[in-house]
Amino acid sequence: MEIFSKRLKAERERKKSTDSKWTQGYVADVIGVARPTYTAYENGTKQPPLETLNRIADLFDVSLDYLQGRSVSRVTSGGSAYLDGGKDWTDEEKAVADAAIQAWREMKKKQREEEG
């Protein structure tokens, strides 16, 4: 957890060096947690849940592997079209992706009902 907290703080301070709005309070607001909670993440006394980790990685535009010390590269691998969140997708591509996700969710729901 120590490497996560160090990298988290370094990413925020990197942003803050060019824009003073990047305080702990600002980052906490953006990722949807209380400032004391975010401070605990930077201090290494609390570990964020996966959903919050994803928000943090997206906010700082780094990979989760980097934040958690599993990679020295700050950037994502670029191996999947989904990694950019569909920023450059056409409306048609977004519609196809939405339909695929909805179909998958319905399939999983049906599986759970049949198992349950």
PDB file of N, CA and C in Angstrom:
ATOM      1  N   MET A   1       0.827  -1.196   0.000  1.00  0.00           N
ATOM      2  CA  MET A   1       0.000   0.000   0.000  1.00  0.00           C
ATOM      3  C   MET A   1       0.869   1.257   0.000  1.00  0.00           C
ATOM      4  N   GLU A   2       2.099   1.132   0.478  1.00  0.00           N
ATOM      5  CA  GLU A   2       2.982   2.296   0.551  1.00  0.00           C
ATOM      6  C   GLU A   2       3.264   2.885  -0.827  1.00  0.00           C
ATOM      7  N   ILE A   3       3.523   2.032  -1.792  1.00  0.00           N
ATOM      8  CA  ILE A   3       3.823   2.536  -3.133  1.00  0.00           C
ATOM      9  C   ILE A   3       2.599   3.224  -3.737  1.00  0.00           C
ATOM     10  N   PHE A   4       1.407   2.675  -3.477  1.00  0.00           N
ATOM     11  CA  PHE A   4       0.183   3.307  -3.969  1.00  0.00           C
ATOM     12  C   PHE A   4       0.059   4.723  -3.419  1.00  0.00           C
ATOM     13  N   SER A   5       0.206   4.868  -2.114  1.00  0.00           N
ATOM     14  CA  SER A   5       0.035   6.188  -1.505  1.00  0.00           C
ATOM     15  C   SER A   5       1.080   7.181  -2.021  1.00  0.00           C
ATOM     16  N   LYS A   6       2.308   6.720  -2.201  1.00  0.00           N
ATOM     17  CA  LYS A   6       3.360   7.608  -2.721  1.00  0.00           C
ATOM     18  C   LYS A   6       3.068   8.041  -4.154  1.00  0.00           C
ATOM     19  N   ARG A   7       2.644   7.088  -4.982  1.00  0.00           N
ATOM     20  CA  ARG A   7       2.355   7.429  -6.378  1.00  0.00           C
ATOM     21  C   ARG A   7       1.113   8.304  -6.488  1.00  0.00           C
ATOM     22  N   LEU A   8       0.126   8.042  -5.654  1.00  0.00           N
ATOM     23  CA  LEU A   8      -1.086   8.855  -5.655  1.00  0.00           C
ATOM     24  C   LEU A   8      -0.747  10.308  -5.335  1.00  0.00           C
ATOM     25  N   LYS A   9       0.014  10.494  -4.290  1.00  0.00           N
ATOM     26  CA  LYS A   9       0.397  11.850  -3.894  1.00  0.00           C
ATOM     27  C   LYS A   9       1.254  12.505  -4.969  1.00  0.00           C
ATOM     28  N   ALA A  10       2.159  11.749  -5.562  1.00  0.00           N
ATOM     29  CA  ALA A  10       3.027  12.303  -6.616  1.00  0.00           C
ATOM     30  C   ALA A  10       2.206  12.743  -7.833  1.00  0.00           C
ATOM     31  N   GLU A  11       1.193  11.955  -8.187  1.00  0.00           N
ATOM     32  CA  GLU A  11       0.349  12.325  -9.327  1.00  0.00           C
ATOM     33  C   GLU A  11      -0.415  13.613  -9.051  1.00  0.00           C
ATOM     34  N   ARG A  12      -0.967  13.716  -7.852  1.00  0.00           N
ATOM     35  CA  ARG A  12      -1.697  14.940  -7.499  1.00  0.00           C
ATOM     36  C   ARG A  12      -0.761  16.134  -7.462  1.00  0.00           C
ATOM     37  N   GLU A  13       0.406  15.971  -6.881  1.00  0.00           N
ATOM     38  CA  GLU A  13       1.355  17.083  -6.810  1.00  0.00           C
ATOM     39  C   GLU A  13       1.880  17.472  -8.189  1.00  0.00           C
ATOM     40  N   ARG A  14       1.998  16.499  -9.089  1.00  0.00           N
ATOM     41  CA  ARG A  14       2.408  16.792 -10.463  1.00  0.00           C
ATOM     42  C   ARG A  14       1.382  17.721 -11.115  1.00  0.00           C
ATOM     43  N   LYS A  15       0.106  17.397 -10.922  1.00  0.00           N
ATOM     44  CA  LYS A  15      -0.961  18.238 -11.467  1.00  0.00           C
ATOM     45  C   LYS A  15      -0.979  19.605 -10.787  1.00  0.00           C
ATOM     46  N   LYS A  16      -0.777  19.600  -9.476  1.00  0.00           N
ATOM     47  CA  LYS A  16      -0.834  20.843  -8.711  1.00  0.00           C
ATOM     48  C   LYS A  16       0.302  21.798  -9.072  1.00  0.00           C
ATOM     49  N   SER A  17       1.413  21.245  -9.551  1.00  0.00           N
ATOM     50  CA  SER A  17       2.544  22.102  -9.919  1.00  0.00           C
ATOM     51  C   SER A  17       2.219  23.011 -11.107  1.00  0.00           C
ATOM     52  N   THR A  18       1.220  22.631 -11.897  1.00  0.00           N
ATOM     53  CA  THR A  18       0.821  23.459 -13.039  1.00  0.00           C
ATOM     54  C   THR A  18      -0.563  24.076 -12.867  1.00  0.00           C
ATOM     55  N   ASP A  19      -1.314  23.613 -11.858  1.00  0.00           N
ATOM     56  CA  ASP A  19      -2.661  24.138 -11.622  1.00  0.00           C
ATOM     57  C   ASP A  19      -2.981  23.989 -10.138  1.00  0.00           C
ATOM     58  N   SER A  20      -3.075  25.106  -9.431  1.00  0.00           N
ATOM     59  CA  SER A  20      -3.226  25.090  -7.970  1.00  0.00           C
ATOM     60  C   SER A  20      -4.536  24.488  -7.474  1.00  0.00           C
ATOM     61  N   LYS A  21      -5.493  24.245  -8.361  1.00  0.00           N
ATOM     62  CA  LYS A  21      -6.762  23.676  -7.911  1.00  0.00           C
ATOM     63  C   LYS A  21      -6.637  22.224  -7.440  1.00  0.00           C
ATOM     64  N   TRP A  22      -5.527  21.560  -7.776  1.00  0.00           N
ATOM     65  CA  TRP A  22      -5.360  20.131  -7.489  1.00  0.00           C
ATOM     66  C   TRP A  22      -4.988  19.866  -6.030  1.00  0.00           C
ATOM     67  N   THR A  23      -5.852  20.314  -5.145  1.00  0.00           N
ATOM     68  CA  THR A  23      -5.670  20.054  -3.717  1.00  0.00           C
ATOM     69  C   THR A  23      -6.267  18.683  -3.384  1.00  0.00           C
ATOM     70  N   GLN A  24      -6.025  18.229  -2.169  1.00  0.00           N
ATOM     71  CA  GLN A  24      -6.647  16.977  -1.726  1.00  0.00           C
ATOM     72  C   GLN A  24      -8.171  17.103  -1.762  1.00  0.00           C
ATOM     73  N   GLY A  25      -8.671  18.256  -1.376  1.00  0.00           N
ATOM     74  CA  GLY A  25     -10.110  18.474  -1.387  1.00  0.00           C
ATOM     75  C   GLY A  25     -10.699  18.411  -2.785  1.00  0.00           C
ATOM     76  N   TYR A  26      -9.986  18.996  -3.746  1.00  0.00           N
ATOM     77  CA  TYR A  26     -10.457  18.978  -5.131  1.00  0.00           C
ATOM     78  C   TYR A  26     -10.521  17.547  -5.663  1.00  0.00           C
ATOM     79  N   VAL A  27      -9.441  16.788  -5.464  1.00  0.00           N
ATOM     80  CA  VAL A  27      -9.406  15.408  -5.950  1.00  0.00           C
ATOM     81  C   VAL A  27     -10.489  14.586  -5.259  1.00  0.00           C
ATOM     82  N   ALA A  28     -10.655  14.786  -3.956  1.00  0.00           N
ATOM     83  CA  ALA A  28     -11.686  14.061  -3.211  1.00  0.00           C
ATOM     84  C   ALA A  28     -13.067  14.331  -3.814  1.00  0.00           C
ATOM     85  N   ASP A  29     -13.357  15.590  -4.120  1.00  0.00           N
ATOM     86  CA  ASP A  29     -14.650  15.936  -4.723  1.00  0.00           C
ATOM     87  C   ASP A  29     -14.835  15.252  -6.074  1.00  0.00           C
ATOM     88  N   VAL A  30     -13.791  15.268  -6.892  1.00  0.00           N
ATOM     89  CA  VAL A  30     -13.891  14.702  -8.235  1.00  0.00           C
ATOM     90  C   VAL A  30     -14.122  13.189  -8.194  1.00  0.00           C
ATOM     91  N   ILE A  31     -13.462  12.506  -7.277  1.00  0.00           N
ATOM     92  CA  ILE A  31     -13.616  11.042  -7.227  1.00  0.00           C
ATOM     93  C   ILE A  31     -14.757  10.602  -6.315  1.00  0.00           C
ATOM     94  N   GLY A  32     -15.398  11.561  -5.646  1.00  0.00           N
ATOM     95  CA  GLY A  32     -16.587  11.253  -4.868  1.00  0.00           C
ATOM     96  C   GLY A  32     -16.360  10.691  -3.477  1.00  0.00           C
ATOM     97  N   VAL A  33     -15.300  11.163  -2.800  1.00  0.00           N
ATOM     98  CA  VAL A  33     -15.062  10.752  -1.416  1.00  0.00           C
ATOM     99  C   VAL A  33     -14.847  11.997  -0.561  1.00  0.00           C
ATOM    100  N   ALA A  34     -14.911  11.842   0.735  1.00  0.00           N
ATOM    101  CA  ALA A  34     -14.643  12.954   1.650  1.00  0.00           C
ATOM    102  C   ALA A  34     -13.141  13.256   1.652  1.00  0.00           C
ATOM    103  N   ARG A  35     -12.796  14.499   1.912  1.00  0.00           N
ATOM    104  CA  ARG A  35     -11.382  14.869   1.931  1.00  0.00           C
ATOM    105  C   ARG A  35     -10.572  14.058   2.924  1.00  0.00           C
ATOM    106  N   PRO A  36     -11.064  13.823   4.170  1.00  0.00           N
ATOM    107  CA  PRO A  36     -10.278  12.991   5.089  1.00  0.00           C
ATOM    108  C   PRO A  36     -10.032  11.571   4.550  1.00  0.00           C
ATOM    109  N   THR A  37     -10.987  11.054   3.812  1.00  0.00           N
ATOM    110  CA  THR A  37     -10.821   9.719   3.219  1.00  0.00           C
ATOM    111  C   THR A  37      -9.710   9.754   2.179  1.00  0.00           C
ATOM    112  N   TYR A  38      -9.739  10.769   1.314  1.00  0.00           N
ATOM    113  CA  TYR A  38      -8.694  10.886   0.299  1.00  0.00           C
ATOM    114  C   TYR A  38      -7.325  11.077   0.964  1.00  0.00           C
ATOM    115  N   THR A  39      -7.279  11.900   2.000  1.00  0.00           N
ATOM    116  CA  THR A  39      -6.023  12.111   2.724  1.00  0.00           C
ATOM    117  C   THR A  39      -5.492  10.791   3.265  1.00  0.00           C
ATOM    118  N   ALA A  40      -6.389   9.938   3.761  1.00  0.00           N
ATOM    119  CA  ALA A  40      -5.974   8.624   4.260  1.00  0.00           C
ATOM    120  C   ALA A  40      -5.392   7.773   3.131  1.00  0.00           C
ATOM    121  N   TYR A  41      -5.922   7.917   1.911  1.00  0.00           N
ATOM    122  CA  TYR A  41      -5.349   7.197   0.770  1.00  0.00           C
ATOM    123  C   TYR A  41      -3.908   7.651   0.534  1.00  0.00           C
ATOM    124  N   GLU A  42      -3.684   8.966   0.551  1.00  0.00           N
ATOM    125  CA  GLU A  42      -2.332   9.488   0.326  1.00  0.00           C
ATOM    126  C   GLU A  42      -1.385   9.124   1.471  1.00  0.00           C
ATOM    127  N   ASN A  43      -1.912   9.034   2.668  1.00  0.00           N
ATOM    128  CA  ASN A  43      -1.075   8.696   3.829  1.00  0.00           C
ATOM    129  C   ASN A  43      -0.838   7.195   3.965  1.00  0.00           C
ATOM    130  N   GLY A  44      -1.570   6.405   3.191  1.00  0.00           N
ATOM    131  CA  GLY A  44      -1.401   4.964   3.241  1.00  0.00           C
ATOM    132  C   GLY A  44      -2.105   4.294   4.406  1.00  0.00           C
ATOM    133  N   THR A  45      -3.040   4.989   5.030  1.00  0.00           N
ATOM    134  CA  THR A  45      -3.756   4.400   6.157  1.00  0.00           C
ATOM    135  C   THR A  45      -5.095   3.804   5.752  1.00  0.00           C
ATOM    136  N   LYS A  46      -5.477   4.004   4.509  1.00  0.00           N
ATOM    137  CA  LYS A  46      -6.733   3.452   4.007  1.00  0.00           C
ATOM    138  C   LYS A  46      -6.552   3.100   2.539  1.00  0.00           C
ATOM    139  N   GLN A  47      -7.147   1.981   2.137  1.00  0.00           N
ATOM    140  CA  GLN A  47      -7.072   1.521   0.743  1.00  0.00           C
ATOM    141  C   GLN A  47      -8.419   1.775   0.074  1.00  0.00           C
ATOM    142  N   PRO A  48      -8.437   2.455  -1.077  1.00  0.00           N
ATOM    143  CA  PRO A  48      -9.714   2.700  -1.745  1.00  0.00           C
ATOM    144  C   PRO A  48     -10.294   1.432  -2.359  1.00  0.00           C
ATOM    145  N   PRO A  49     -11.629   1.373  -2.453  1.00  0.00           N
ATOM    146  CA  PRO A  49     -12.250   0.242  -3.147  1.00  0.00           C
ATOM    147  C   PRO A  49     -11.959   0.316  -4.649  1.00  0.00           C
ATOM    148  N   LEU A  50     -12.177  -0.782  -5.349  1.00  0.00           N
ATOM    149  CA  LEU A  50     -11.845  -0.871  -6.770  1.00  0.00           C
ATOM    150  C   LEU A  50     -12.491   0.234  -7.598  1.00  0.00           C
ATOM    151  N   GLU A  51     -13.753   0.515  -7.350  1.00  0.00           N
ATOM    152  CA  GLU A  51     -14.442   1.565  -8.115  1.00  0.00           C
ATOM    153  C   GLU A  51     -13.726   2.906  -7.961  1.00  0.00           C
ATOM    154  N   THR A  52     -13.300   3.211  -6.755  1.00  0.00           N
ATOM    155  CA  THR A  52     -12.587   4.466  -6.509  1.00  0.00           C
ATOM    156  C   THR A  52     -11.197   4.423  -7.134  1.00  0.00           C
ATOM    157  N   LEU A  53     -10.539   3.281  -7.084  1.00  0.00           N
ATOM    158  CA  LEU A  53      -9.243   3.136  -7.746  1.00  0.00           C
ATOM    159  C   LEU A  53      -9.369   3.441  -9.238  1.00  0.00           C
ATOM    160  N   ASN A  54     -10.424   2.937  -9.843  1.00  0.00           N
ATOM    161  CA  ASN A  54     -10.645   3.202 -11.265  1.00  0.00           C
ATOM    162  C   ASN A  54     -10.844   4.689 -11.536  1.00  0.00           C
ATOM    163  N   ARG A  55     -11.610   5.354 -10.676  1.00  0.00           N
ATOM    164  CA  ARG A  55     -11.813   6.804 -10.838  1.00  0.00           C
ATOM    165  C   ARG A  55     -10.488   7.559 -10.707  1.00  0.00           C
ATOM    166  N   ILE A  56      -9.681   7.146  -9.752  1.00  0.00           N
ATOM    167  CA  ILE A  56      -8.383   7.797  -9.550  1.00  0.00           C
ATOM    168  C   ILE A  56      -7.492   7.613 -10.776  1.00  0.00           C
ATOM    169  N   ALA A  57      -7.395   6.390 -11.261  1.00  0.00           N
ATOM    170  CA  ALA A  57      -6.567   6.118 -12.441  1.00  0.00           C
ATOM    171  C   ALA A  57      -7.054   6.927 -13.635  1.00  0.00           C
ATOM    172  N   ASP A  58      -8.374   6.984 -13.825  1.00  0.00           N
ATOM    173  CA  ASP A  58      -8.925   7.769 -14.931  1.00  0.00           C
ATOM    174  C   ASP A  58      -8.622   9.251 -14.761  1.00  0.00           C
ATOM    175  N   LEU A  59      -8.773   9.749 -13.560  1.00  0.00           N
ATOM    176  CA  LEU A  59      -8.538  11.171 -13.295  1.00  0.00           C
ATOM    177  C   LEU A  59      -7.106  11.573 -13.615  1.00  0.00           C
ATOM    178  N   PHE A  60      -6.157  10.748 -13.196  1.00  0.00           N
ATOM    179  CA  PHE A  60      -4.750  11.069 -13.419  1.00  0.00           C
ATOM    180  C   PHE A  60      -4.212  10.508 -14.733  1.00  0.00           C
ATOM    181  N   ASP A  61      -5.068   9.802 -15.463  1.00  0.00           N
ATOM    182  CA  ASP A  61      -4.707   9.221 -16.757  1.00  0.00           C
ATOM    183  C   ASP A  61      -3.480   8.318 -16.641  1.00  0.00           C
ATOM    184  N   VAL A  62      -3.536   7.443 -15.645  1.00  0.00           N
ATOM    185  CA  VAL A  62      -2.484   6.443 -15.434  1.00  0.00           C
ATOM    186  C   VAL A  62      -3.147   5.075 -15.290  1.00  0.00           C
ATOM    187  N   SER A  63      -2.349   4.024 -15.389  1.00  0.00           N
ATOM    188  CA  SER A  63      -2.898   2.680 -15.235  1.00  0.00           C
ATOM    189  C   SER A  63      -2.991   2.299 -13.759  1.00  0.00           C
ATOM    190  N   LEU A  64      -3.907   1.388 -13.460  1.00  0.00           N
ATOM    191  CA  LEU A  64      -3.988   0.856 -12.098  1.00  0.00           C
ATOM    192  C   LEU A  64      -2.706   0.121 -11.735  1.00  0.00           C
ATOM    193  N   ASP A  65      -2.128  -0.578 -12.713  1.00  0.00           N
ATOM    194  CA  ASP A  65      -0.875  -1.279 -12.446  1.00  0.00           C
ATOM    195  C   ASP A  65       0.198  -0.305 -11.985  1.00  0.00           C
ATOM    196  N   TYR A  66       0.267   0.853 -12.603  1.00  0.00           N
ATOM    197  CA  TYR A  66       1.251   1.857 -12.186  1.00  0.00           C
ATOM    198  C   TYR A  66       0.958   2.312 -10.751  1.00  0.00           C
ATOM    199  N   LEU A  67      -0.287   2.687 -10.478  1.00  0.00           N
ATOM    200  CA  LEU A  67      -0.626   3.179  -9.134  1.00  0.00           C
ATOM    201  C   LEU A  67      -0.316   2.153  -8.051  1.00  0.00           C
ATOM    202  N   GLN A  68      -0.494   0.878  -8.367  1.00  0.00           N
ATOM    203  CA  GLN A  68      -0.301  -0.155  -7.364  1.00  0.00           C
ATOM    204  C   GLN A  68       1.110  -0.733  -7.352  1.00  0.00           C
ATOM    205  N   GLY A  69       2.000  -0.173  -8.160  1.00  0.00           N
ATOM    206  CA  GLY A  69       3.388  -0.613  -8.139  1.00  0.00           C
ATOM    207  C   GLY A  69       3.672  -1.843  -8.971  1.00  0.00           C
ATOM    208  N   ARG A  70       2.734  -2.242  -9.829  1.00  0.00           N
ATOM    209  CA  ARG A  70       2.933  -3.422 -10.673  1.00  0.00           C
ATOM    210  C   ARG A  70       3.572  -3.075 -12.002  1.00  0.00           C
ATOM    211  N   SER A  71       3.755  -1.782 -12.252  1.00  0.00           N
ATOM    212  CA  SER A  71       4.364  -1.319 -13.489  1.00  0.00           C
ATOM    213  C   SER A  71       5.100  -0.013 -13.214  1.00  0.00           C
ATOM    214  N   VAL A  72       6.170   0.205 -13.943  1.00  0.00           N
ATOM    215  CA  VAL A  72       6.877   1.482 -13.819  1.00  0.00           C
ATOM    216  C   VAL A  72       6.371   2.483 -14.842  1.00  0.00           C
ATOM    217  N   SER A  73       5.568   2.014 -15.779  1.00  0.00           N
ATOM    218  CA  SER A  73       5.011   2.879 -16.816  1.00  0.00           C
ATOM    219  C   SER A  73       3.723   3.511 -16.322  1.00  0.00           C
ATOM    220  N   ARG A  74       3.620   4.824 -16.419  1.00  0.00           N
ATOM    221  CA  ARG A  74       2.430   5.539 -15.975  1.00  0.00           C
ATOM    222  C   ARG A  74       1.255   5.329 -16.922  1.00  0.00           C
ATOM    223  N   VAL A  75       1.530   5.059 -18.194  1.00  0.00           N
ATOM    224  CA  VAL A  75       0.470   4.993 -19.193  1.00  0.00           C
ATOM    225  C   VAL A  75      -0.162   3.617 -19.250  1.00  0.00           C
ATOM    226  N   THR A  76      -1.407   3.607 -19.704  1.00  0.00           N
ATOM    227  CA  THR A  76      -2.093   2.333 -19.886  1.00  0.00           C
ATOM    228  C   THR A  76      -1.504   1.631 -21.098  1.00  0.00           C
ATOM    229  N   SER A  77      -1.763   0.346 -21.195  1.00  0.00           N
ATOM    230  CA  SER A  77      -1.158  -0.452 -22.255  1.00  0.00           C
ATOM    231  C   SER A  77      -1.696  -0.120 -23.632  1.00  0.00           C
ATOM    232  N   GLY A  78      -2.898   0.405 -23.716  1.00  0.00           N
ATOM    233  CA  GLY A  78      -3.479   0.706 -25.009  1.00  0.00           C
ATOM    234  C   GLY A  78      -3.921  -0.535 -25.756  1.00  0.00           C
ATOM    235  N   GLY A  79      -3.993  -1.667 -25.070  1.00  0.00           N
ATOM    236  CA  GLY A  79      -4.329  -2.910 -25.719  1.00  0.00           C
ATOM    237  C   GLY A  79      -5.810  -3.121 -25.961  1.00  0.00           C
ATOM    238  N   SER A  80      -6.639  -2.236 -25.481  1.00  0.00           N
ATOM    239  CA  SER A  80      -8.075  -2.390 -25.653  1.00  0.00           C
ATOM    240  C   SER A  80      -8.715  -1.068 -26.002  1.00  0.00           C
ATOM    241  N   ALA A  81      -9.663  -1.111 -26.896  1.00  0.00           N
ATOM    242  CA  ALA A  81     -10.387   0.104 -27.279  1.00  0.00           C
ATOM    243  C   ALA A  81     -11.188   0.670 -26.114  1.00  0.00           C
ATOM    244  N   TYR A  82     -11.478  -0.167 -25.123  1.00  0.00           N
ATOM    245  CA  TYR A  82     -12.276   0.284 -23.987  1.00  0.00           C
ATOM    246  C   TYR A  82     -11.481   1.144 -23.009  1.00  0.00           C
ATOM    247  N   LEU A  83     -10.169   1.103 -23.061  1.00  0.00           N
ATOM    248  CA  LEU A  83      -9.357   1.814 -22.073  1.00  0.00           C
ATOM    249  C   LEU A  83      -9.547   3.324 -22.113  1.00  0.00           C
ATOM    250  N   ASP A  84      -9.896   3.875 -23.266  1.00  0.00           N
ATOM    251  CA  ASP A  84     -10.065   5.326 -23.346  1.00  0.00           C
ATOM    252  C   ASP A  84     -11.482   5.757 -23.009  1.00  0.00           C
ATOM    253  N   GLY A  85     -12.325   4.820 -22.599  1.00  0.00           N
ATOM    254  CA  GLY A  85     -13.684   5.161 -22.237  1.00  0.00           C
ATOM    255  C   GLY A  85     -14.555   5.534 -23.421  1.00  0.00           C
ATOM    256  N   GLY A  86     -14.106   5.231 -24.622  1.00  0.00           N
ATOM    257  CA  GLY A  86     -14.895   5.539 -25.816  1.00  0.00           C
ATOM    258  C   GLY A  86     -14.817   6.986 -26.255  1.00  0.00           C
ATOM    259  N   LYS A  87     -13.782   7.691 -25.834  1.00  0.00           N
ATOM    260  CA  LYS A  87     -13.660   9.111 -26.158  1.00  0.00           C
ATOM    261  C   LYS A  87     -13.740   9.401 -27.654  1.00  0.00           C
ATOM    262  N   ASP A  88     -13.131   8.551 -28.451  1.00  0.00           N
ATOM    263  CA  ASP A  88     -13.085   8.795 -29.888  1.00  0.00           C
ATOM    264  C   ASP A  88     -14.043   7.912 -30.676  1.00  0.00           C
ATOM    265  N   TRP A  89     -15.005   7.318 -30.018  1.00  0.00           N
ATOM    266  CA  TRP A  89     -15.936   6.417 -30.679  1.00  0.00           C
ATOM    267  C   TRP A  89     -16.999   7.201 -31.431  1.00  0.00           C
ATOM    268  N   THR A  90     -17.456   6.626 -32.532  1.00  0.00           N
ATOM    269  CA  THR A  90     -18.588   7.202 -33.255  1.00  0.00           C
ATOM    270  C   THR A  90     -19.868   6.853 -32.512  1.00  0.00           C
ATOM    271  N   ASP A  91     -20.958   7.523 -32.849  1.00  0.00           N
ATOM    272  CA  ASP A  91     -22.240   7.201 -32.221  1.00  0.00           C
ATOM    273  C   ASP A  91     -22.628   5.752 -32.499  1.00  0.00           C
ATOM    274  N   GLU A  92     -22.325   5.275 -33.696  1.00  0.00           N
ATOM    275  CA  GLU A  92     -22.643   3.891 -34.045  1.00  0.00           C
ATOM    276  C   GLU A  92     -21.849   2.912 -33.178  1.00  0.00           C
ATOM    277  N   GLU A  93     -20.555   3.182 -32.990  1.00  0.00           N
ATOM    278  CA  GLU A  93     -19.724   2.318 -32.149  1.00  0.00           C
ATOM    279  C   GLU A  93     -20.237   2.297 -30.705  1.00  0.00           C
ATOM    280  N   LYS A  94     -20.639   3.448 -30.215  1.00  0.00           N
ATOM    281  CA  LYS A  94     -21.178   3.519 -28.855  1.00  0.00           C
ATOM    282  C   LYS A  94     -22.464   2.713 -28.739  1.00  0.00           C
ATOM    283  N   ALA A  95     -23.322   2.803 -29.744  1.00  0.00           N
ATOM    284  CA  ALA A  95     -24.581   2.066 -29.724  1.00  0.00           C
ATOM    285  C   ALA A  95     -24.336   0.556 -29.738  1.00  0.00           C
ATOM    286  N   VAL A  96     -23.375   0.112 -30.548  1.00  0.00           N
ATOM    287  CA  VAL A  96     -23.044  -1.312 -30.610  1.00  0.00           C
ATOM    288  C   VAL A  96     -22.484  -1.786 -29.268  1.00  0.00           C
ATOM    289  N   ALA A  97     -21.602  -0.999 -28.688  1.00  0.00           N
ATOM    290  CA  ALA A  97     -21.022  -1.362 -27.392  1.00  0.00           C
ATOM    291  C   ALA A  97     -22.101  -1.410 -26.310  1.00  0.00           C
ATOM    292  N   ASP A  98     -22.991  -0.425 -26.303  1.00  0.00           N
ATOM    293  CA  ASP A  98     -24.084  -0.412 -25.321  1.00  0.00           C
ATOM    294  C   ASP A  98     -24.968  -1.644 -25.475  1.00  0.00           C
ATOM    295  N   ALA A  99     -25.285  -1.999 -26.716  1.00  0.00           N
ATOM    296  CA  ALA A  99     -26.129  -3.171 -26.964  1.00  0.00           C
ATOM    297  C   ALA A  99     -25.436  -4.446 -26.493  1.00  0.00           C
ATOM    298  N   ALA A 100     -24.144  -4.556 -26.731  1.00  0.00           N
ATOM    299  CA  ALA A 100     -23.396  -5.738 -26.304  1.00  0.00           C
ATOM    300  C   ALA A 100     -23.364  -5.844 -24.786  1.00  0.00           C
ATOM    301  N   ILE A 101     -23.163  -4.739 -24.123  1.00  0.00           N
ATOM    302  CA  ILE A 101     -23.129  -4.743 -22.660  1.00  0.00           C
ATOM    303  C   ILE A 101     -24.498  -5.109 -22.100  1.00  0.00           C
ATOM    304  N   GLN A 102     -25.548  -4.541 -22.678  1.00  0.00           N
ATOM    305  CA  GLN A 102     -26.900  -4.856 -22.217  1.00  0.00           C
ATOM    306  C   GLN A 102     -27.211  -6.341 -22.403  1.00  0.00           C
ATOM    307  N   ALA A 103     -26.844  -6.899 -23.544  1.00  0.00           N
ATOM    308  CA  ALA A 103     -27.071  -8.326 -23.799  1.00  0.00           C
ATOM    309  C   ALA A 103     -26.311  -9.176 -22.788  1.00  0.00           C
ATOM    310  N   TRP A 104     -25.076  -8.791 -22.485  1.00  0.00           N
ATOM    311  CA  TRP A 104     -24.269  -9.532 -21.511  1.00  0.00           C
ATOM    312  C   TRP A 104     -24.922  -9.476 -20.131  1.00  0.00           C
ATOM    313  N   ARG A 105     -25.391  -8.298 -19.743  1.00  0.00           N
ATOM    314  CA  ARG A 105     -26.050  -8.157 -18.439  1.00  0.00           C
ATOM    315  C   ARG A 105     -27.295  -9.027 -18.343  1.00  0.00           C
ATOM    316  N   GLU A 106     -28.076  -9.044 -19.408  1.00  0.00           N
ATOM    317  CA  GLU A 106     -29.283  -9.870 -19.411  1.00  0.00           C
ATOM    318  C   GLU A 106     -28.933 -11.355 -19.324  1.00  0.00           C
ATOM    319  N   MET A 107     -27.885 -11.769 -20.025  1.00  0.00           N
ATOM    320  CA  MET A 107     -27.438 -13.157 -19.974  1.00  0.00           C
ATOM    321  C   MET A 107     -27.008 -13.522 -18.543  1.00  0.00           C
ATOM    322  N   LYS A 108     -26.221 -12.637 -17.902  1.00  0.00           N
ATOM    323  CA  LYS A 108     -25.751 -12.907 -16.537  1.00  0.00           C
ATOM    324  C   LYS A 108     -26.922 -12.948 -15.554  1.00  0.00           C
ATOM    325  N   LYS A 109     -27.899 -12.069 -15.736  1.00  0.00           N
ATOM    326  CA  LYS A 109     -29.074 -12.067 -14.869  1.00  0.00           C
ATOM    327  C   LYS A 109     -29.828 -13.388 -14.999  1.00  0.00           C
ATOM    328  N   LYS A 110     -30.006 -13.842 -16.223  1.00  0.00           N
ATOM    329  CA  LYS A 110     -30.697 -15.107 -16.461  1.00  0.00           C
ATOM    330  C   LYS A 110     -29.941 -16.265 -15.830  1.00  0.00           C
ATOM    331  N   GLN A 111     -28.597 -16.271 -15.957  1.00  0.00           N
ATOM    332  CA  GLN A 111     -27.780 -17.318 -15.342  1.00  0.00           C
ATOM    333  C   GLN A 111     -27.957 -17.338 -13.833  1.00  0.00           C
ATOM    334  N   ARG A 112     -27.947 -16.162 -13.210  1.00  0.00           N
ATOM    335  CA  ARG A 112     -28.110 -16.070 -11.747  1.00  0.00           C
ATOM    336  C   ARG A 112     -29.485 -16.586 -11.325  1.00  0.00           C
ATOM    337  N   GLU A 113     -30.507 -16.235 -12.112  1.00  0.00           N
ATOM    338  CA  GLU A 113     -31.865 -16.698 -11.793  1.00  0.00           C
ATOM    339  C   GLU A 113     -31.969 -18.205 -11.890  1.00  0.00           C
ATOM    340  N   GLU A 114     -31.325 -18.779 -12.902  1.00  0.00           N
ATOM    341  CA  GLU A 114     -31.367 -20.229 -13.090  1.00  0.00           C
ATOM    342  C   GLU A 114     -30.590 -20.968 -12.011  1.00  0.00           C
ATOM    343  N   GLU A 115     -29.504 -20.345 -11.517  1.00  0.00           N
ATOM    344  CA  GLU A 115     -28.693 -20.948 -10.466  1.00  0.00           C
ATOM    345  C   GLU A 115     -29.325 -20.781  -9.096  1.00  0.00           C
ATOM    346  N   GLY A 116     -30.049 -19.669  -8.931  1.00  0.00           N
ATOM    347  CA  GLY A 116     -30.534 -19.283  -7.616  1.00  0.00           C
ATOM    348  C   GLY A 116     -31.712 -19.963  -7.128  1.00  0.00           C
TER     349      GLY A 116
END
